[in-house]
Amino acid sequence: MTDSTTRLHSLTRRELLQTATTALGMAVLAPQAFAERPLHPTLIDPISPKVIVGTGSHRYECLHDWLMPPPDILWGDTHGVVEDSKGRIYVTHTVHANSPKKDAIVVFDKNGKFLTSWGDQFVGGGHGISVRKEGKEEFLYHCDIAHRKFCKTTLSGKVLWEKGAPEESGVYKKGEAFVPTNIAFSPNGDFYVADGYGSNWIHRYDLKGNYVSTFGGTGKEPGQFVTPHSIWLDNRNKDPLLVVADRENHRLQHLTLEGKPVKVYTDKMRRPCHFSIHNDLLLVPDLVSVVTLMDKDNRVVAQLGDGDPSNLRDKPRNQFIPGKFIHPHGGTFLKNGDILIAEWVPIGRMTRLRKLA
């Protein structure tokens, strides 16, 4: 045994990982980590098959395809994901054309085991999905981009009401598009519907689904939008605000609950898609191949799994790159701080980012 071999055997696992990382260089670290993007390296552990994304206190094990449907359901574009109070996970997808079963809502337990599916009425249009507790019960709110409707259901899929474009708003002339994408909830019970793929308005309703008001519209000024893809209640500070993923303006906007603009954020925003909050962290899945985390002061603290530039949307799964996102579209923090990401790819992909100590 040579002296170098003896030294190798005496290294700790941590020292060996550091040595291998240095030796492998570009093969271990994502190329972007060497230059303009220091926030989001991807590490492949040479000791184990784990794929690690992030750095410091924002390190995650990347588990692609952690959620998979049963054989009779084929993922279409996986658009949204939420977790209810009992840890059940609901995924909404468009349903692949070759899928024997046409259920657009697929439900899993907290360990990723398939439980049930339903929602064939959302085929082709399953997009935004949100969960809210009202009294002692929880309900799901859905946005259907194919049928241009939003609706409220029980957790088992019973439709309680559904709505289309709000005529009361006076902003839709004949033939103008209404294509709702996501819904947010106010502390007083009101909710907000983002017309993200239609005419760039945001509509406010009360708890019973009665129309209240409209704000926004197309433009680049604060308070205007070009694809307000998602909306969320940001309650991390004293005064709750609405945060909007103003996707094609490449920015986030904070607004009052009445829709008045407060602040615009553009730093490291590409095409932000969605939100979730855990403690002081804001999760922002970004369609341009990265998942962004922002702190309480809305500073970017991590960007995870950066796969940009990506041309893999229409490629087979075996060409997807471990630890690299293609098109993050929706996401949620789980109760323990782990992250689930749904990607806009026609064969679907659900990735769990497992928080590391």
Protein backbone atom coordinates (compact mmCIF):
# COMPACT_ATOMS: atom_id res chain seq x y z
CA MET A 1 0.00 0.00 0.00
CA THR A 2 1.44 3.40 -1.00
CA ASP A 3 1.71 6.39 1.33
CA SER A 4 -1.02 8.14 -0.65
CA THR A 5 -3.33 5.14 -0.25
CA THR A 6 -2.64 5.07 3.50
CA ARG A 7 -3.53 8.74 3.76
CA LEU A 8 -6.74 8.16 1.77
CA HIS A 9 -7.88 5.43 4.17
CA SER A 10 -7.21 7.67 7.17
CA LEU A 11 -9.44 10.50 5.90
CA THR A 12 -12.77 11.13 7.53
CA ARG A 13 -15.88 10.94 5.37
CA ARG A 14 -16.14 14.76 5.42
CA GLU A 15 -12.48 15.14 4.39
CA LEU A 16 -12.91 12.58 1.63
CA LEU A 17 -15.96 14.40 0.31
CA GLN A 18 -14.06 17.69 0.29
CA THR A 19 -11.08 16.06 -1.47
CA ALA A 20 -13.31 14.43 -4.09
CA THR A 21 -15.21 17.67 -4.64
CA THR A 22 -11.98 19.52 -5.33
CA ALA A 23 -10.73 16.78 -7.65
CA LEU A 24 -13.94 16.43 -9.62
CA GLY A 25 -14.39 20.18 -10.08
CA MET A 26 -16.79 20.85 -12.91
CA ALA A 27 -18.19 17.32 -12.76
CA VAL A 28 -19.34 17.84 -9.16
CA LEU A 29 -20.25 21.49 -8.98
CA ALA A 30 -22.83 22.95 -11.31
CA PRO A 31 -21.06 25.16 -13.88
CA GLN A 32 -22.99 28.21 -12.70
CA ALA A 33 -21.50 27.86 -9.23
CA PHE A 34 -18.07 28.89 -10.53
CA ALA A 35 -19.15 32.25 -11.88
CA GLU A 36 -22.14 34.50 -11.56
CA ARG A 37 -24.38 32.21 -9.49
CA PRO A 38 -22.76 31.33 -6.14
CA LEU A 39 -26.05 30.76 -4.34
CA HIS A 40 -27.00 27.37 -5.73
CA PRO A 41 -24.32 24.73 -6.30
CA THR A 42 -25.37 21.16 -6.93
CA LEU A 43 -23.18 18.51 -5.29
CA ILE A 44 -23.09 14.82 -6.11
CA ASP A 45 -21.84 12.99 -3.02
CA PRO A 46 -19.06 10.59 -4.14
CA ILE A 47 -19.66 8.39 -1.09
CA SER A 48 -23.40 7.89 -1.58
CA PRO A 49 -25.83 8.46 -4.44
CA LYS A 50 -27.36 11.52 -2.77
CA VAL A 51 -27.77 14.67 -4.83
CA ILE A 52 -27.45 17.78 -2.69
CA VAL A 53 -28.58 21.27 -3.69
CA GLY A 54 -27.97 24.53 -1.86
CA THR A 55 -25.40 25.61 0.70
CA GLY A 56 -25.10 26.47 4.38
CA SER A 57 -28.42 26.43 6.23
CA HIS A 58 -30.28 25.93 2.93
CA ARG A 59 -29.09 22.47 1.92
CA TYR A 60 -31.50 19.85 0.60
CA GLU A 61 -31.34 16.30 -0.67
CA CYS A 62 -32.94 16.31 -4.11
CA LEU A 63 -35.37 13.41 -4.61
CA HIS A 64 -36.78 13.52 -8.14
CA ASP A 65 -39.99 11.59 -8.86
CA TRP A 66 -40.68 11.24 -5.15
CA LEU A 67 -44.38 11.22 -6.03
CA MET A 68 -45.46 8.90 -8.84
CA PRO A 69 -49.05 8.06 -9.82
CA PRO A 70 -50.30 4.47 -10.17
CA PRO A 71 -49.81 2.74 -13.56
CA ASP A 72 -53.26 3.68 -14.86
CA ILE A 73 -52.58 7.41 -14.48
CA LEU A 74 -49.90 9.10 -16.57
CA TRP A 75 -48.71 12.55 -15.52
CA GLY A 76 -49.40 15.42 -17.84
CA ASP A 77 -47.91 18.80 -16.97
CA THR A 78 -47.69 18.76 -13.18
CA HIS A 79 -48.90 22.23 -12.28
CA GLY A 80 -49.65 22.47 -8.57
CA VAL A 81 -49.28 20.76 -5.20
CA VAL A 82 -50.65 21.37 -1.68
CA GLU A 83 -50.65 19.58 1.68
CA ASP A 84 -53.66 19.45 4.02
CA SER A 85 -53.59 19.49 7.83
CA LYS A 86 -53.32 15.69 8.01
CA GLY A 87 -50.31 15.58 5.71
CA ARG A 88 -52.17 14.38 2.62
CA ILE A 89 -50.67 15.73 -0.58
CA TYR A 90 -52.77 16.78 -3.59
CA VAL A 91 -51.20 17.15 -7.05
CA THR A 92 -53.03 18.73 -9.96
CA HIS A 93 -51.92 17.94 -13.51
CA THR A 94 -53.27 18.19 -17.04
CA VAL A 95 -53.30 14.37 -17.58
CA HIS A 96 -51.23 12.85 -20.38
CA ALA A 97 -53.11 12.09 -23.60
CA ASN A 98 -52.21 8.39 -23.30
CA SER A 99 -53.33 8.04 -19.69
CA PRO A 100 -55.94 5.25 -19.28
CA LYS A 101 -57.50 7.08 -16.34
CA LYS A 102 -58.31 10.77 -16.66
CA ASP A 103 -58.17 11.91 -13.03
CA ALA A 104 -56.49 15.32 -12.76
CA ILE A 105 -56.16 15.30 -8.95
CA VAL A 106 -53.89 12.64 -7.45
CA VAL A 107 -53.69 12.24 -3.67
CA PHE A 108 -50.80 10.79 -1.63
CA ASP A 109 -50.11 10.29 2.06
CA LYS A 110 -47.31 12.07 3.91
CA ASN A 111 -44.88 9.29 2.97
CA GLY A 112 -45.63 9.56 -0.74
CA LYS A 113 -47.93 6.54 -0.96
CA PHE A 114 -50.79 6.84 -3.46
CA LEU A 115 -54.20 7.10 -1.78
CA THR A 116 -56.80 8.04 -4.38
CA SER A 117 -57.53 10.17 -7.43
CA TRP A 118 -60.44 12.12 -8.89
CA GLY A 119 -61.23 15.24 -10.93
CA ASP A 120 -61.68 14.06 -14.50
CA GLN A 121 -63.59 17.31 -15.12
CA PHE A 122 -60.25 19.16 -14.91
CA VAL A 123 -58.55 17.19 -17.71
CA GLY A 124 -56.36 19.50 -19.76
CA GLY A 125 -56.90 22.39 -17.37
CA GLY A 126 -55.77 21.37 -13.88
CA HIS A 127 -53.58 24.30 -12.82
CA GLY A 128 -53.74 26.11 -9.48
CA ILE A 129 -54.75 24.23 -6.35
CA SER A 130 -55.05 25.70 -2.84
CA VAL A 131 -56.24 24.35 0.51
CA ARG A 132 -58.02 26.38 3.20
CA LYS A 133 -59.53 25.57 6.56
CA GLU A 134 -62.94 27.13 7.10
CA GLY A 135 -64.28 26.47 10.56
CA LYS A 136 -63.58 22.81 11.33
CA GLU A 137 -63.42 21.72 7.68
CA GLU A 138 -60.83 22.01 4.93
CA PHE A 139 -61.61 22.71 1.30
CA LEU A 140 -59.75 22.80 -1.99
CA TYR A 141 -59.89 25.70 -4.44
CA HIS A 142 -59.06 24.92 -8.08
CA CYS A 143 -58.23 26.94 -11.20
CA ASP A 144 -59.03 25.26 -14.52
CA ILE A 145 -57.28 26.95 -17.44
CA ALA A 146 -58.90 24.78 -20.12
CA HIS A 147 -62.48 25.45 -19.07
CA ARG A 148 -61.76 28.97 -17.78
CA LYS A 149 -63.32 28.39 -14.40
CA PHE A 150 -62.42 28.26 -10.74
CA CYS A 151 -64.23 26.20 -8.17
CA LYS A 152 -64.38 25.01 -4.57
CA THR A 153 -64.51 21.32 -3.65
CA THR A 154 -64.36 19.11 -0.60
CA LEU A 155 -61.15 17.21 0.00
CA SER A 156 -62.77 14.21 -1.70
CA GLY A 157 -63.68 16.20 -4.82
CA LYS A 158 -67.34 17.13 -4.37
CA VAL A 159 -67.91 20.43 -6.22
CA LEU A 160 -69.56 23.04 -3.98
CA TRP A 161 -69.59 25.87 -6.52
CA GLU A 162 -67.82 26.95 -9.70
CA LYS A 163 -67.48 30.32 -11.39
CA GLY A 164 -66.29 31.90 -14.61
CA ALA A 165 -65.39 35.49 -15.49
CA PRO A 166 -66.95 38.02 -13.10
CA GLU A 167 -69.31 40.10 -15.20
CA GLU A 168 -69.78 42.43 -12.22
CA SER A 169 -66.20 43.65 -12.65
CA GLY A 170 -67.01 45.45 -15.90
CA VAL A 171 -63.51 44.76 -17.27
CA TYR A 172 -64.35 41.96 -19.71
CA LYS A 173 -65.66 43.05 -23.06
CA LYS A 174 -67.15 40.46 -25.36
CA GLY A 175 -64.56 37.89 -26.37
CA GLU A 176 -61.88 38.97 -23.89
CA ALA A 177 -60.16 36.10 -22.16
CA PHE A 178 -60.61 35.00 -18.56
CA VAL A 179 -58.17 32.22 -17.64
CA PRO A 180 -57.74 31.90 -13.85
CA THR A 181 -54.42 30.50 -12.68
CA ASN A 182 -54.17 30.68 -8.85
CA ILE A 183 -56.01 31.77 -5.70
CA ALA A 184 -54.92 33.43 -2.44
CA PHE A 185 -56.75 33.88 0.86
CA SER A 186 -57.19 36.95 3.06
CA PRO A 187 -57.27 36.78 6.89
CA ASN A 188 -60.89 38.03 6.88
CA GLY A 189 -62.10 35.12 4.70
CA ASP A 190 -61.98 36.88 1.35
CA PHE A 191 -60.08 35.27 -1.51
CA TYR A 192 -58.34 36.57 -4.62
CA VAL A 193 -58.38 35.00 -8.10
CA ALA A 194 -55.51 35.80 -10.47
CA ASP A 195 -56.51 35.93 -14.13
CA GLY A 196 -52.95 35.02 -15.05
CA TYR A 197 -53.42 33.60 -18.53
CA GLY A 198 -56.26 35.86 -19.54
CA SER A 199 -56.48 39.64 -19.11
CA ASN A 200 -54.12 40.25 -16.16
CA TRP A 201 -56.75 41.24 -13.58
CA ILE A 202 -57.04 40.12 -9.98
CA HIS A 203 -60.54 39.66 -8.58
CA ARG A 204 -61.55 39.70 -4.92
CA TYR A 205 -64.44 37.64 -3.51
CA ASP A 206 -65.86 37.15 -0.03
CA LEU A 207 -65.97 33.86 1.84
CA LYS A 208 -69.30 32.92 0.23
CA GLY A 209 -67.97 33.53 -3.26
CA ASN A 210 -69.64 36.90 -3.82
CA TYR A 211 -67.74 39.35 -6.02
CA VAL A 212 -66.12 42.28 -4.17
CA SER A 213 -63.66 44.17 -6.38
CA THR A 214 -61.04 44.08 -9.16
CA PHE A 215 -57.58 45.57 -9.52
CA GLY A 216 -54.52 45.26 -11.75
CA GLY A 217 -54.79 45.01 -15.50
CA THR A 218 -52.14 44.85 -18.20
CA GLY A 219 -49.01 46.97 -17.93
CA LYS A 220 -45.55 47.42 -16.51
CA GLU A 221 -46.27 50.05 -13.88
CA PRO A 222 -46.50 49.08 -10.19
CA GLY A 223 -49.91 47.52 -9.59
CA GLN A 224 -50.17 46.33 -13.20
CA PHE A 225 -49.25 42.89 -14.49
CA VAL A 226 -48.21 40.79 -17.45
CA THR A 227 -49.19 37.26 -16.43
CA PRO A 228 -49.98 37.49 -12.71
CA HIS A 229 -49.43 33.77 -12.53
CA SER A 230 -49.82 33.30 -8.80
CA ILE A 231 -50.92 35.23 -5.74
CA TRP A 232 -50.28 34.57 -2.05
CA LEU A 233 -50.88 36.12 1.36
CA ASP A 234 -47.51 37.18 2.78
CA ASN A 235 -48.02 37.26 6.55
CA ARG A 236 -44.36 37.22 7.61
CA ASN A 237 -44.48 40.82 8.84
CA LYS A 238 -46.83 42.83 11.02
CA ASP A 239 -49.06 44.00 8.18
CA PRO A 240 -50.07 41.20 5.80
CA LEU A 241 -49.64 41.92 2.11
CA LEU A 242 -50.46 40.19 -1.15
CA VAL A 243 -47.49 38.99 -3.16
CA VAL A 244 -47.99 38.45 -6.88
CA ALA A 245 -45.77 36.51 -9.28
CA ASP A 246 -45.82 39.02 -12.14
CA ARG A 247 -44.22 36.46 -14.37
CA GLU A 248 -43.72 38.09 -17.76
CA ASN A 249 -42.63 41.34 -16.10
CA HIS A 250 -39.94 39.20 -14.42
CA ARG A 251 -40.74 40.44 -10.94
CA LEU A 252 -42.64 40.02 -7.70
CA GLN A 253 -45.02 42.67 -6.46
CA HIS A 254 -46.27 43.31 -2.94
CA LEU A 255 -49.66 44.98 -2.67
CA THR A 256 -52.07 45.89 0.10
CA LEU A 257 -55.13 43.71 0.60
CA GLU A 258 -57.03 46.36 -1.40
CA GLY A 259 -54.64 46.00 -4.33
CA LYS A 260 -52.52 49.13 -3.87
CA PRO A 261 -48.87 48.62 -4.92
CA VAL A 262 -46.27 48.65 -2.14
CA LYS A 263 -42.99 47.36 -3.56
CA VAL A 264 -41.53 45.62 -6.60
CA TYR A 265 -38.75 43.00 -6.46
CA THR A 266 -36.66 42.10 -9.50
CA ASP A 267 -33.41 40.73 -7.99
CA LYS A 268 -32.72 37.25 -9.44
CA MET A 269 -36.31 36.98 -10.68
CA ARG A 270 -36.59 35.28 -14.07
CA ARG A 271 -40.18 34.09 -14.60
CA PRO A 272 -41.51 33.58 -11.04
CA CYS A 273 -44.46 31.22 -10.90
CA HIS A 274 -45.75 30.45 -7.44
CA PHE A 275 -45.30 30.80 -3.65
CA SER A 276 -45.32 29.05 -0.31
CA ILE A 277 -44.22 30.25 3.13
CA HIS A 278 -42.55 28.39 6.00
CA ASN A 279 -41.54 30.44 9.03
CA ASP A 280 -39.69 33.41 7.52
CA LEU A 281 -38.87 31.82 4.15
CA LEU A 282 -40.73 32.56 0.93
CA LEU A 283 -40.54 29.80 -1.69
CA VAL A 284 -40.61 30.96 -5.33
CA PRO A 285 -40.57 28.26 -8.03
CA ASP A 286 -39.29 29.95 -11.18
CA LEU A 287 -40.17 28.66 -14.63
CA VAL A 288 -36.63 29.35 -15.83
CA SER A 289 -35.22 26.26 -14.19
CA VAL A 290 -34.59 27.28 -10.58
CA VAL A 291 -36.21 27.36 -7.13
CA THR A 292 -35.61 30.56 -5.17
CA LEU A 293 -35.81 31.18 -1.42
CA MET A 294 -36.27 34.68 0.02
CA ASP A 295 -35.96 35.77 3.65
CA LYS A 296 -38.30 37.94 5.72
CA ASP A 297 -36.77 41.06 4.18
CA ASN A 298 -37.31 39.58 0.69
CA ARG A 299 -33.63 39.11 0.01
CA VAL A 300 -32.68 36.07 -2.04
CA VAL A 301 -30.86 33.64 0.27
CA ALA A 302 -30.69 30.56 -1.97
CA GLN A 303 -31.37 29.39 -5.50
CA LEU A 304 -31.68 25.64 -5.78
CA GLY A 305 -31.17 23.18 -8.64
CA ASP A 306 -30.47 25.77 -11.33
CA GLY A 307 -30.79 23.99 -14.67
CA ASP A 308 -30.78 27.07 -16.90
CA PRO A 309 -30.40 26.99 -19.80
CA SER A 310 -32.63 23.95 -20.21
CA ASN A 311 -34.00 22.46 -23.41
CA LEU A 312 -35.31 19.31 -21.76
CA ARG A 313 -39.05 20.01 -21.51
CA ASP A 314 -39.98 17.61 -24.32
CA LYS A 315 -37.20 15.08 -23.67
CA PRO A 316 -37.65 11.59 -22.17
CA ARG A 317 -37.16 11.22 -18.45
CA ASN A 318 -33.82 9.44 -18.81
CA GLN A 319 -32.35 12.65 -20.18
CA PHE A 320 -33.33 14.73 -17.15
CA ILE A 321 -30.29 15.80 -15.12
CA PRO A 322 -30.16 14.86 -11.40
CA GLY A 323 -30.22 17.93 -9.21
CA LYS A 324 -31.28 20.22 -12.06
CA PHE A 325 -34.76 21.60 -12.52
CA ILE A 326 -36.34 22.02 -15.94
CA HIS A 327 -39.41 24.21 -15.41
CA PRO A 328 -40.55 24.61 -11.76
CA HIS A 329 -44.19 25.69 -11.90
CA GLY A 330 -45.74 25.11 -8.48
CA GLY A 331 -44.48 24.22 -5.05
CA THR A 332 -45.20 23.97 -1.37
CA PHE A 333 -43.37 23.75 1.91
CA LEU A 334 -44.31 20.64 3.85
CA LYS A 335 -44.88 21.01 7.57
CA ASN A 336 -41.35 19.83 8.42
CA GLY A 337 -39.69 22.38 6.11
CA ASP A 338 -39.14 20.04 3.17
CA ILE A 339 -40.18 21.35 -0.25
CA LEU A 340 -42.26 19.76 -3.01
CA ILE A 341 -41.88 21.09 -6.54
CA ALA A 342 -44.22 20.41 -9.50
CA GLU A 343 -42.66 20.96 -12.94
CA TRP A 344 -44.18 22.05 -16.20
CA VAL A 345 -43.06 19.11 -18.33
CA PRO A 346 -45.49 17.04 -20.43
CA ILE A 347 -44.59 13.80 -18.61
CA GLY A 348 -44.67 15.50 -15.21
CA ARG A 349 -42.13 15.52 -12.43
CA MET A 350 -42.63 15.85 -8.67
CA THR A 351 -39.44 16.51 -6.71
CA ARG A 352 -38.98 16.51 -2.94
CA LEU A 353 -36.22 18.65 -1.50
CA ARG A 354 -35.49 17.06 1.86
CA LYS A 355 -34.10 19.59 4.34
CA LEU A 356 -30.69 18.63 5.71
CA ALA A 357 -29.57 19.53 9.21
